[in-house]
Amino acid sequence: MFKLPIRTWVCNAAAVFSGPQGAVTPQAQQAGCSRETVYEQARKVEQRLADPPAEPAALAELRAENQRLNQGIAALTSQAEDRIRFDKAKQRERATTAFAMGVSLRQIEEVRGLLLAESDVKPPDHSTVGHGIEEHAEHAGSVLKVLDARSAPSVQTLGLDEIFFGGDRLWSGSSRRA
């Protein structure tokens, strides 16, 4: 067992093998040991680096397990490339987008149930979806306040209704466009 940290052993070896003449004494004082200890540790470090121990069976087993795990990771990574990401964050994002499009919370709950039917994940109920959408709406509201304040002076014509998906409800059925 080392009485001094391994870093000290390496510094001692550096002082012996590559330090200028007289470097061992200050290194011994800094390490809190004798000059003889510095020389002894330097010899031991040199021996350890020159003659690495033969690979024991346990190390070979660990290397084989590491290789199996790396192959498993590679297989899972290739499978994941073919899948659509639908973790909880993406589910909340998609639910918020669907709600903004006019889809009800119950409909969002049904669609999520259909999408997650093949997985072990239980889809959240509509109240949980509603809470997530509310959090996103609060965040969007703070962003929209800033955007509204910046863009209001540039508005020349104000529409009376929102525009949804390429058409507007105000002028539908009429040849006149906003």
C-alpha atoms as a PDB file:
ATOM      1  CA  MET A   1       0.000   0.000   0.000  1.00  0.00           C
ATOM      2  CA  PHE A   2       1.267   3.480  -0.886  1.00  0.00           C
ATOM      3  CA  LYS A   3       2.009   5.789   1.999  1.00  0.00           C
ATOM      4  CA  LEU A   4       2.423   8.678  -0.437  1.00  0.00           C
ATOM      5  CA  PRO A   5       0.027   9.482  -3.266  1.00  0.00           C
ATOM      6  CA  ILE A   6       0.915   8.068  -6.691  1.00  0.00           C
ATOM      7  CA  ARG A   7       1.358  11.620  -7.964  1.00  0.00           C
ATOM      8  CA  THR A   8       4.157  12.110  -5.455  1.00  0.00           C
ATOM      9  CA  TRP A   9       5.803   8.870  -6.661  1.00  0.00           C
ATOM     10  CA  VAL A  10       5.728  10.153 -10.243  1.00  0.00           C
ATOM     11  CA  CYS A  11       7.110  13.552  -9.194  1.00  0.00           C
ATOM     12  CA  ASN A  12       9.863  11.791  -7.247  1.00  0.00           C
ATOM     13  CA  ALA A  13      10.747   9.672 -10.284  1.00  0.00           C
ATOM     14  CA  ALA A  14      10.782  12.786 -12.468  1.00  0.00           C
ATOM     15  CA  ALA A  15      13.168  14.505 -10.071  1.00  0.00           C
ATOM     16  CA  VAL A  16      15.509  11.484 -10.111  1.00  0.00           C
ATOM     17  CA  PHE A  17      15.476  10.734 -13.839  1.00  0.00           C
ATOM     18  CA  SER A  18      14.957  14.077 -15.522  1.00  0.00           C
ATOM     19  CA  GLY A  19      15.507  16.778 -12.928  1.00  0.00           C
ATOM     20  CA  PRO A  20      18.652  18.922 -12.799  1.00  0.00           C
ATOM     21  CA  GLN A  21      21.447  18.040 -10.430  1.00  0.00           C
ATOM     22  CA  GLY A  22      20.310  18.700  -6.857  1.00  0.00           C
ATOM     23  CA  ALA A  23      16.584  18.305  -7.641  1.00  0.00           C
ATOM     24  CA  VAL A  24      16.120  15.240  -5.421  1.00  0.00           C
ATOM     25  CA  THR A  25      16.657  17.054  -2.102  1.00  0.00           C
ATOM     26  CA  PRO A  26      14.002  19.778  -2.708  1.00  0.00           C
ATOM     27  CA  GLN A  27      11.596  17.106  -4.019  1.00  0.00           C
ATOM     28  CA  ALA A  28      12.142  14.983  -0.898  1.00  0.00           C
ATOM     29  CA  GLN A  29      11.453  18.008   1.305  1.00  0.00           C
ATOM     30  CA  GLN A  30       8.320  18.868  -0.677  1.00  0.00           C
ATOM     31  CA  ALA A  31       7.077  15.246  -0.499  1.00  0.00           C
ATOM     32  CA  GLY A  32       7.890  14.972   3.193  1.00  0.00           C
ATOM     33  CA  CYS A  33      10.159  11.945   2.847  1.00  0.00           C
ATOM     34  CA  SER A  34      13.863  11.112   2.740  1.00  0.00           C
ATOM     35  CA  ARG A  35      16.137  11.211  -0.325  1.00  0.00           C
ATOM     36  CA  GLU A  36      16.484   7.428  -0.087  1.00  0.00           C
ATOM     37  CA  THR A  37      12.693   7.077  -0.327  1.00  0.00           C
ATOM     38  CA  VAL A  38      12.689   9.288  -3.427  1.00  0.00           C
ATOM     39  CA  TYR A  39      15.323   7.080  -5.113  1.00  0.00           C
ATOM     40  CA  GLU A  40      13.525   3.877  -4.052  1.00  0.00           C
ATOM     41  CA  GLN A  41      10.184   5.091  -5.387  1.00  0.00           C
ATOM     42  CA  ALA A  42      11.827   6.181  -8.637  1.00  0.00           C
ATOM     43  CA  ARG A  43      13.255   2.646  -9.103  1.00  0.00           C
ATOM     44  CA  LYS A  44       9.839   1.088  -8.383  1.00  0.00           C
ATOM     45  CA  VAL A  45       8.082   3.401 -10.854  1.00  0.00           C
ATOM     46  CA  GLU A  46      10.690   2.573 -13.487  1.00  0.00           C
ATOM     47  CA  GLN A  47      10.234  -1.185 -12.900  1.00  0.00           C
ATOM     48  CA  ARG A  48       6.439  -0.931 -13.096  1.00  0.00           C
ATOM     49  CA  LEU A  49       6.610   0.943 -16.374  1.00  0.00           C
ATOM     50  CA  ALA A  50       9.290  -1.295 -17.885  1.00  0.00           C
ATOM     51  CA  ASP A  51       7.696  -4.665 -17.007  1.00  0.00           C
ATOM     52  CA  PRO A  52       3.905  -4.483 -17.201  1.00  0.00           C
ATOM     53  CA  PRO A  53       2.315  -7.447 -15.425  1.00  0.00           C
ATOM     54  CA  ALA A  54       0.851 -10.277 -17.504  1.00  0.00           C
ATOM     55  CA  GLU A  55      -2.871  -9.980 -18.170  1.00  0.00           C
ATOM     56  CA  PRO A  56      -4.772 -11.883 -15.498  1.00  0.00           C
ATOM     57  CA  ALA A  57      -7.880 -13.901 -16.330  1.00  0.00           C
ATOM     58  CA  ALA A  58     -10.166 -11.388 -14.622  1.00  0.00           C
ATOM     59  CA  LEU A  59      -8.889  -8.614 -16.858  1.00  0.00           C
ATOM     60  CA  ALA A  60      -9.467 -10.787 -19.939  1.00  0.00           C
ATOM     61  CA  GLU A  61     -13.044 -11.419 -18.790  1.00  0.00           C
ATOM     62  CA  LEU A  62     -13.595  -7.698 -18.313  1.00  0.00           C
ATOM     63  CA  ARG A  63     -12.267  -6.985 -21.794  1.00  0.00           C
ATOM     64  CA  ALA A  64     -14.598  -9.634 -23.289  1.00  0.00           C
ATOM     65  CA  GLU A  65     -17.571  -8.199 -21.387  1.00  0.00           C
ATOM     66  CA  ASN A  66     -16.620  -4.709 -22.545  1.00  0.00           C
ATOM     67  CA  GLN A  67     -16.553  -5.918 -26.143  1.00  0.00           C
ATOM     68  CA  ARG A  68     -19.991  -7.588 -25.760  1.00  0.00           C
ATOM     69  CA  LEU A  69     -21.417  -4.406 -24.240  1.00  0.00           C
ATOM     70  CA  ASN A  70     -19.975  -2.281 -27.053  1.00  0.00           C
ATOM     71  CA  GLN A  71     -21.571  -4.618 -29.609  1.00  0.00           C
ATOM     72  CA  GLY A  72     -24.893  -4.334 -27.766  1.00  0.00           C
ATOM     73  CA  ILE A  73     -24.628  -0.547 -27.762  1.00  0.00           C
ATOM     74  CA  ALA A  74     -23.901  -0.551 -31.487  1.00  0.00           C
ATOM     75  CA  ALA A  75     -26.954  -2.764 -32.154  1.00  0.00           C
ATOM     76  CA  LEU A  76     -29.219  -0.538 -30.036  1.00  0.00           C
ATOM     77  CA  THR A  77     -27.859   2.588 -31.703  1.00  0.00           C
ATOM     78  CA  SER A  78     -28.615   1.227 -35.168  1.00  0.00           C
ATOM     79  CA  GLN A  79     -32.145   0.280 -34.043  1.00  0.00           C
ATOM     80  CA  ALA A  80     -32.686   3.742 -32.552  1.00  0.00           C
ATOM     81  CA  GLU A  81     -31.793   5.432 -35.831  1.00  0.00           C
ATOM     82  CA  ASP A  82     -34.942   3.953 -37.392  1.00  0.00           C
ATOM     83  CA  ARG A  83     -37.250   5.157 -34.626  1.00  0.00           C
ATOM     84  CA  ILE A  84     -39.080   8.392 -34.113  1.00  0.00           C
ATOM     85  CA  ARG A  85     -38.186  10.241 -30.941  1.00  0.00           C
ATOM     86  CA  PHE A  86     -41.287  10.464 -28.756  1.00  0.00           C
ATOM     87  CA  ASP A  87     -40.045  10.953 -25.212  1.00  0.00           C
ATOM     88  CA  LYS A  88     -42.013  12.948 -22.628  1.00  0.00           C
ATOM     89  CA  ALA A  89     -40.601  16.284 -23.772  1.00  0.00           C
ATOM     90  CA  LYS A  90     -41.537  15.564 -27.403  1.00  0.00           C
ATOM     91  CA  GLN A  91     -44.987  14.372 -26.327  1.00  0.00           C
ATOM     92  CA  ARG A  92     -45.605  17.650 -24.495  1.00  0.00           C
ATOM     93  CA  GLU A  93     -44.312  19.647 -27.455  1.00  0.00           C
ATOM     94  CA  ARG A  94     -46.558  17.760 -29.914  1.00  0.00           C
ATOM     95  CA  ALA A  95     -49.558  18.078 -27.590  1.00  0.00           C
ATOM     96  CA  THR A  96     -49.052  21.839 -27.354  1.00  0.00           C
ATOM     97  CA  THR A  97     -48.783  22.121 -31.129  1.00  0.00           C
ATOM     98  CA  ALA A  98     -51.925  20.020 -31.618  1.00  0.00           C
ATOM     99  CA  PHE A  99     -53.817  22.122 -29.065  1.00  0.00           C
ATOM    100  CA  ALA A 100     -52.734  25.300 -30.856  1.00  0.00           C
ATOM    101  CA  MET A 101     -54.163  23.781 -34.056  1.00  0.00           C
ATOM    102  CA  GLY A 102     -57.517  23.360 -32.363  1.00  0.00           C
ATOM    103  CA  VAL A 103     -57.361  19.710 -31.323  1.00  0.00           C
ATOM    104  CA  SER A 104     -59.110  19.118 -27.986  1.00  0.00           C
ATOM    105  CA  LEU A 105     -57.384  17.664 -24.943  1.00  0.00           C
ATOM    106  CA  ARG A 106     -59.466  14.473 -25.185  1.00  0.00           C
ATOM    107  CA  GLN A 107     -58.495  14.060 -28.850  1.00  0.00           C
ATOM    108  CA  ILE A 108     -54.836  14.605 -27.996  1.00  0.00           C
ATOM    109  CA  GLU A 109     -55.163  11.955 -25.271  1.00  0.00           C
ATOM    110  CA  GLU A 110     -56.677   9.505 -27.787  1.00  0.00           C
ATOM    111  CA  VAL A 111     -53.975  10.109 -30.406  1.00  0.00           C
ATOM    112  CA  ARG A 112     -51.221   9.661 -27.828  1.00  0.00           C
ATOM    113  CA  GLY A 113     -52.875   6.444 -26.722  1.00  0.00           C
ATOM    114  CA  LEU A 114     -52.813   5.198 -30.310  1.00  0.00           C
ATOM    115  CA  LEU A 115     -49.189   6.173 -30.798  1.00  0.00           C
ATOM    116  CA  LEU A 116     -48.061   4.611 -27.532  1.00  0.00           C
ATOM    117  CA  ALA A 117     -50.235   1.462 -27.809  1.00  0.00           C
ATOM    118  CA  GLU A 118     -47.277  -0.683 -28.931  1.00  0.00           C
ATOM    119  CA  SER A 119     -45.005   0.503 -26.123  1.00  0.00           C
ATOM    120  CA  ASP A 120     -44.985  -0.147 -22.394  1.00  0.00           C
ATOM    121  CA  VAL A 121     -45.464   3.558 -21.716  1.00  0.00           C
ATOM    122  CA  LYS A 122     -48.848   4.537 -20.326  1.00  0.00           C
ATOM    123  CA  PRO A 123     -50.058   7.746 -21.990  1.00  0.00           C
ATOM    124  CA  PRO A 124     -50.956  10.569 -19.605  1.00  0.00           C
ATOM    125  CA  ASP A 125     -54.595  11.549 -19.164  1.00  0.00           C
ATOM    126  CA  HIS A 126     -56.059  14.748 -20.562  1.00  0.00           C
ATOM    127  CA  SER A 127     -55.621  16.725 -17.305  1.00  0.00           C
ATOM    128  CA  THR A 128     -51.870  16.001 -17.314  1.00  0.00           C
ATOM    129  CA  VAL A 129     -51.750  17.007 -20.973  1.00  0.00           C
ATOM    130  CA  GLY A 130     -53.640  20.179 -20.086  1.00  0.00           C
ATOM    131  CA  HIS A 131     -51.158  21.107 -17.344  1.00  0.00           C
ATOM    132  CA  GLY A 132     -48.258  20.649 -19.762  1.00  0.00           C
ATOM    133  CA  ILE A 133     -49.963  22.776 -22.393  1.00  0.00           C
ATOM    134  CA  GLU A 134     -50.668  25.449 -19.796  1.00  0.00           C
ATOM    135  CA  GLU A 135     -46.965  25.596 -18.863  1.00  0.00           C
ATOM    136  CA  HIS A 136     -46.008  25.962 -22.519  1.00  0.00           C
ATOM    137  CA  ALA A 137     -48.683  28.644 -22.978  1.00  0.00           C
ATOM    138  CA  GLU A 138     -47.330  30.669 -20.025  1.00  0.00           C
ATOM    139  CA  HIS A 139     -43.832  30.494 -21.487  1.00  0.00           C
ATOM    140  CA  ALA A 140     -45.130  31.451 -24.941  1.00  0.00           C
ATOM    141  CA  GLY A 141     -47.097  34.323 -23.405  1.00  0.00           C
ATOM    142  CA  SER A 142     -43.960  35.879 -21.961  1.00  0.00           C
ATOM    143  CA  VAL A 143     -42.212  35.550 -25.334  1.00  0.00           C
ATOM    144  CA  LEU A 144     -45.220  36.986 -27.195  1.00  0.00           C
ATOM    145  CA  LYS A 145     -45.315  40.050 -24.909  1.00  0.00           C
ATOM    146  CA  VAL A 146     -41.800  40.943 -26.021  1.00  0.00           C
ATOM    147  CA  LEU A 147     -42.541  40.212 -29.678  1.00  0.00           C
ATOM    148  CA  ASP A 148     -45.793  42.208 -29.595  1.00  0.00           C
ATOM    149  CA  ALA A 149     -44.067  45.225 -28.086  1.00  0.00           C
ATOM    150  CA  ARG A 150     -41.366  45.138 -30.768  1.00  0.00           C
ATOM    151  CA  SER A 151     -43.645  44.480 -33.733  1.00  0.00           C
ATOM    152  CA  ALA A 152     -46.643  46.692 -32.832  1.00  0.00           C
ATOM    153  CA  PRO A 153     -45.126  49.878 -34.327  1.00  0.00           C
ATOM    154  CA  SER A 154     -44.597  48.082 -37.649  1.00  0.00           C
ATOM    155  CA  VAL A 155     -48.196  46.884 -38.003  1.00  0.00           C
ATOM    156  CA  GLN A 156     -49.989  48.769 -40.778  1.00  0.00           C
ATOM    157  CA  THR A 157     -53.102  46.617 -41.089  1.00  0.00           C
ATOM    158  CA  LEU A 158     -54.567  44.601 -38.246  1.00  0.00           C
ATOM    159  CA  GLY A 159     -56.510  41.445 -39.098  1.00  0.00           C
ATOM    160  CA  LEU A 160     -59.685  40.762 -37.167  1.00  0.00           C
ATOM    161  CA  ASP A 161     -59.223  37.004 -37.068  1.00  0.00           C
ATOM    162  CA  GLU A 162     -56.357  34.510 -36.854  1.00  0.00           C
ATOM    163  CA  ILE A 163     -55.121  32.718 -39.945  1.00  0.00           C
ATOM    164  CA  PHE A 164     -55.053  28.922 -39.736  1.00  0.00           C
ATOM    165  CA  PHE A 165     -53.128  26.662 -42.113  1.00  0.00           C
ATOM    166  CA  GLY A 166     -53.117  28.688 -45.307  1.00  0.00           C
ATOM    167  CA  GLY A 167     -56.663  30.029 -45.171  1.00  0.00           C
ATOM    168  CA  ASP A 168     -58.424  32.653 -43.141  1.00  0.00           C
ATOM    169  CA  ARG A 169     -61.898  32.337 -41.636  1.00  0.00           C
ATOM    170  CA  LEU A 170     -62.799  35.983 -42.131  1.00  0.00           C
ATOM    171  CA  TRP A 171     -62.768  35.878 -45.933  1.00  0.00           C
ATOM    172  CA  SER A 172     -63.611  32.208 -46.567  1.00  0.00           C
ATOM    173  CA  GLY A 173     -66.160  31.810 -49.350  1.00  0.00           C
ATOM    174  CA  SER A 174     -65.321  35.205 -50.758  1.00  0.00           C
ATOM    175  CA  SER A 175     -62.961  36.227 -53.548  1.00  0.00           C
ATOM    176  CA  ARG A 176     -61.580  39.064 -51.424  1.00  0.00           C
ATOM    177  CA  ARG A 177     -58.348  38.372 -49.478  1.00  0.00           C
ATOM    178  CA  ALA A 178     -56.709  40.218 -46.590  1.00  0.00           C
END
